[in-house]
Amino acid sequence: MAKNFSILHFSPQEAKDLLISWLTLSLAFAVVINPVFFNISNLILSLPIALLAVGTGFILHELAHREMAKHYGFHSEFRAWYPGLLIAIGLAVVTMGQFIFAAPGATYFFTREVTRKQNGIISLAGPLTNIIIGIILLIVSGAIADAWIGKMFMYAALVNFWFALFNLIPIYPLDGSKVIAWKPFIWIIFIVISGILAFMPELFTSLL
């Protein structure tokens, strides 16, 4: 039973790193959504949007990597990169929301041997999860009558698509470098899909 619900299990260090990364990135994204950082009313409006966007875009992305690595029998945990989190907050504030650098950390899996296929599939799991979650959020946003809540889900969907697109860039250590090393054609398919959804989400919504 415990194995079936392993996604709910976190070591104390991993739980702390995920929570700190989620809250820190959400604060940085809240500044991007509404640059008037020191206006508390603006922050109250933008922070829930950022919490949803980062919670789905970042947390689920990392958990997808972790669970796929566990599927292959590897021990895997997320570890925060605290300098990257400080840089994210600092740049968002200094540039008044015009620029954000999101490098909160990474999910590591511990093994002496991993095949190119295993590494490619583990790496693809994160962006694929972003695409699926983003599409679900996009559908939900169109079904909600309340404009503000609909906007919240729409923004969360776009963040997921951008997380997928960014992570599929074929530059090490991003996911794209491992996916393209495994199957270049698979990489092309998913970077095109994430690019279309990130730049032109209305194309998808017009089909609904």
Protein backbone atom coordinates (compact mmCIF):
# COMPACT_ATOMS: atom_id res chain seq x y z
CA MET A 1 0.00 0.00 0.00
CA ALA A 2 2.80 2.43 0.89
CA LYS A 3 4.45 1.76 -2.46
CA ASN A 4 1.25 2.72 -4.34
CA PHE A 5 1.20 6.09 -2.59
CA SER A 6 4.94 6.78 -2.72
CA ILE A 7 4.24 10.13 -4.38
CA LEU A 8 2.92 11.31 -1.00
CA HIS A 9 6.11 10.36 0.80
CA PHE A 10 8.82 12.98 1.33
CA SER A 11 11.96 12.91 3.39
CA PRO A 12 12.16 15.84 5.87
CA GLN A 13 14.85 17.54 3.76
CA GLU A 14 12.94 17.09 0.51
CA ALA A 15 9.68 18.39 2.03
CA LYS A 16 11.47 21.47 3.36
CA ASP A 17 13.24 22.14 0.06
CA LEU A 18 10.03 21.78 -1.97
CA LEU A 19 8.04 24.04 0.36
CA ILE A 20 10.69 26.77 0.46
CA SER A 21 11.16 26.60 -3.31
CA TRP A 22 7.40 26.77 -3.93
CA LEU A 23 6.85 29.77 -1.67
CA THR A 24 9.95 31.64 -2.87
CA LEU A 25 9.23 31.13 -6.56
CA SER A 26 5.58 32.03 -6.02
CA LEU A 27 6.61 35.33 -4.46
CA ALA A 28 8.92 36.04 -7.40
CA PHE A 29 6.19 35.19 -9.91
CA ALA A 30 3.70 37.34 -7.97
CA VAL A 31 5.98 40.30 -8.65
CA VAL A 32 6.06 39.40 -12.35
CA ILE A 33 2.26 39.16 -12.46
CA ASN A 34 1.83 42.48 -10.67
CA PRO A 35 5.07 44.51 -10.55
CA VAL A 36 3.92 46.96 -7.85
CA PHE A 37 5.63 44.83 -5.25
CA PHE A 38 5.20 47.02 -2.22
CA ASN A 39 1.46 47.50 -2.78
CA ILE A 40 -0.04 44.91 -0.43
CA SER A 41 -3.44 44.87 -2.16
CA ASN A 42 -1.78 44.04 -5.48
CA LEU A 43 0.29 41.32 -3.86
CA ILE A 44 -2.82 39.77 -2.27
CA LEU A 45 -4.37 39.52 -5.74
CA SER A 46 -1.31 38.18 -7.56
CA LEU A 47 0.04 35.76 -4.93
CA PRO A 48 -2.81 33.18 -5.19
CA ILE A 49 -2.31 33.11 -8.96
CA ALA A 50 1.43 32.57 -8.50
CA LEU A 51 0.91 29.87 -5.85
CA LEU A 52 -1.35 27.91 -8.21
CA ALA A 53 0.92 28.46 -11.23
CA VAL A 54 4.14 27.49 -9.45
CA GLY A 55 2.48 24.74 -7.43
CA THR A 56 1.32 22.98 -10.59
CA GLY A 57 4.14 24.03 -12.92
CA PHE A 58 7.07 23.42 -10.60
CA ILE A 59 6.02 20.95 -7.89
CA LEU A 60 4.28 18.49 -10.21
CA HIS A 61 7.12 18.76 -12.72
CA GLU A 62 9.68 17.71 -10.10
CA LEU A 63 7.45 14.97 -8.68
CA ALA A 64 7.03 13.54 -12.18
CA HIS A 65 10.83 13.25 -12.51
CA ARG A 66 11.04 11.67 -9.07
CA GLU A 67 8.33 9.09 -9.58
CA MET A 68 9.62 8.06 -13.01
CA ALA A 69 13.10 7.58 -11.56
CA LYS A 70 11.57 5.48 -8.78
CA HIS A 71 9.77 3.45 -11.43
CA TYR A 72 13.18 2.36 -12.66
CA GLY A 73 14.27 1.52 -9.13
CA PHE A 74 16.42 4.59 -8.49
CA HIS A 75 16.36 6.52 -5.23
CA SER A 76 15.28 10.05 -6.12
CA GLU A 77 14.70 13.30 -4.23
CA PHE A 78 14.38 17.01 -4.93
CA ARG A 79 17.03 19.37 -3.59
CA ALA A 80 16.67 23.13 -3.61
CA TRP A 81 19.38 25.44 -4.91
CA TYR A 82 19.12 28.30 -2.45
CA PRO A 83 21.35 30.77 -4.34
CA GLY A 84 19.02 30.31 -7.34
CA LEU A 85 15.99 31.08 -5.19
CA LEU A 86 17.60 34.25 -3.86
CA ILE A 87 18.50 35.32 -7.39
CA ALA A 88 14.86 34.75 -8.49
CA ILE A 89 13.52 37.01 -5.76
CA GLY A 90 16.27 39.60 -6.19
CA LEU A 91 15.89 39.95 -9.96
CA ALA A 92 12.10 40.07 -9.79
CA VAL A 93 12.23 42.92 -7.28
CA VAL A 94 15.14 44.85 -8.82
CA THR A 95 13.69 44.67 -12.34
CA MET A 96 10.16 45.33 -11.04
CA GLY A 97 8.82 42.14 -12.54
CA GLN A 98 10.43 42.54 -15.97
CA PHE A 99 12.77 39.58 -15.56
CA ILE A 100 12.84 36.37 -13.54
CA PHE A 101 15.49 33.68 -13.32
CA ALA A 102 13.91 30.43 -12.12
CA ALA A 103 16.53 27.89 -11.06
CA PRO A 104 15.12 26.61 -7.76
CA GLY A 105 16.90 23.27 -7.74
CA ALA A 106 16.56 19.84 -9.30
CA THR A 107 15.36 16.31 -8.74
CA TYR A 108 18.33 14.00 -8.41
CA PHE A 109 18.29 10.25 -8.77
CA PHE A 110 21.07 8.16 -7.37
CA THR A 111 22.42 5.27 -9.41
CA ARG A 112 25.69 4.19 -10.89
CA GLU A 113 24.16 3.15 -14.18
CA VAL A 114 21.34 4.71 -16.18
CA THR A 115 20.64 4.00 -19.84
CA ARG A 116 20.10 6.76 -22.37
CA LYS A 117 16.48 5.62 -22.72
CA GLN A 118 15.85 5.70 -18.97
CA ASN A 119 17.46 9.13 -18.66
CA GLY A 120 15.41 10.41 -21.60
CA ILE A 121 12.10 9.13 -20.24
CA ILE A 122 12.81 10.40 -16.72
CA SER A 123 13.65 13.82 -18.18
CA LEU A 124 10.58 13.90 -20.46
CA ALA A 125 8.25 13.10 -17.54
CA GLY A 126 8.51 16.66 -16.18
CA PRO A 127 7.67 18.63 -19.35
CA LEU A 128 5.00 16.08 -20.32
CA THR A 129 3.33 16.59 -16.94
CA ASN A 130 3.43 20.38 -17.49
CA ILE A 131 1.72 19.99 -20.87
CA ILE A 132 -1.01 17.73 -19.48
CA ILE A 133 -1.64 19.88 -16.39
CA GLY A 134 -1.54 23.05 -18.52
CA ILE A 135 -4.20 21.72 -20.90
CA ILE A 136 -6.42 20.73 -17.96
CA LEU A 137 -6.04 24.20 -16.42
CA LEU A 138 -6.76 25.83 -19.78
CA ILE A 139 -9.99 23.85 -20.12
CA VAL A 140 -10.98 24.73 -16.55
CA SER A 141 -10.27 28.43 -17.17
CA GLY A 142 -12.69 28.45 -20.08
CA ALA A 143 -15.42 26.75 -18.06
CA ILE A 144 -15.33 29.20 -15.14
CA ALA A 145 -17.73 32.13 -15.25
CA ASP A 146 -15.85 34.30 -12.75
CA ALA A 147 -13.35 36.40 -14.71
CA TRP A 148 -10.70 36.65 -11.97
CA ILE A 149 -10.71 32.92 -11.16
CA GLY A 150 -10.68 32.12 -14.86
CA LYS A 151 -7.66 34.38 -15.29
CA MET A 152 -5.93 32.61 -12.40
CA PHE A 153 -6.32 29.22 -14.09
CA MET A 154 -5.32 30.66 -17.47
CA TYR A 155 -2.11 32.11 -16.07
CA ALA A 156 -1.34 28.83 -14.29
CA ALA A 157 -1.82 27.02 -17.60
CA LEU A 158 0.58 29.39 -19.40
CA VAL A 159 3.21 28.97 -16.69
CA ASN A 160 3.00 25.20 -17.15
CA PHE A 161 3.45 25.53 -20.91
CA TRP A 162 6.43 27.84 -20.41
CA PHE A 163 7.96 25.46 -17.85
CA ALA A 164 7.68 22.67 -20.42
CA LEU A 165 9.16 24.77 -23.23
CA PHE A 166 12.03 26.12 -21.14
CA ASN A 167 12.99 22.72 -19.75
CA LEU A 168 12.97 21.19 -23.24
CA ILE A 169 15.72 23.53 -24.42
CA PRO A 170 18.49 21.09 -25.47
CA ILE A 171 21.17 22.57 -23.25
CA TYR A 172 22.63 20.58 -20.36
CA PRO A 173 21.48 20.16 -17.61
CA LEU A 174 17.96 20.98 -18.88
CA ASP A 175 15.63 18.09 -19.67
CA GLY A 176 15.77 18.72 -23.40
CA SER A 177 19.45 17.73 -23.60
CA LYS A 178 18.65 14.23 -22.29
CA VAL A 179 15.47 13.78 -24.31
CA ILE A 180 17.19 14.73 -27.59
CA ALA A 181 20.10 12.39 -26.77
CA TRP A 182 17.57 9.57 -26.42
CA LYS A 183 15.10 10.26 -29.24
CA PRO A 184 15.51 13.47 -31.30
CA PHE A 185 12.13 12.91 -32.98
CA ILE A 186 10.36 12.67 -29.61
CA TRP A 187 12.10 15.88 -28.54
CA ILE A 188 10.93 17.68 -31.71
CA ILE A 189 7.32 16.60 -31.14
CA PHE A 190 7.18 17.82 -27.56
CA ILE A 191 9.07 21.08 -28.00
CA VAL A 192 6.76 21.97 -30.92
CA ILE A 193 3.66 21.13 -28.85
CA SER A 194 4.88 23.12 -25.83
CA GLY A 195 5.92 26.02 -28.06
CA ILE A 196 2.49 26.23 -29.72
CA LEU A 197 0.72 26.04 -26.36
CA ALA A 198 3.03 28.63 -24.78
CA PHE A 199 2.80 31.18 -27.63
CA MET A 200 -0.65 30.44 -29.06
CA PRO A 201 -2.89 28.79 -26.42
CA GLU A 202 -5.93 30.24 -28.22
CA LEU A 203 -5.36 27.67 -31.00
CA PHE A 204 -6.14 24.91 -28.49
CA THR A 205 -9.07 26.68 -26.90
CA SER A 206 -10.63 27.30 -30.34
CA LEU A 207 -10.86 23.53 -30.79
CA LEU A 208 -12.85 23.06 -27.58
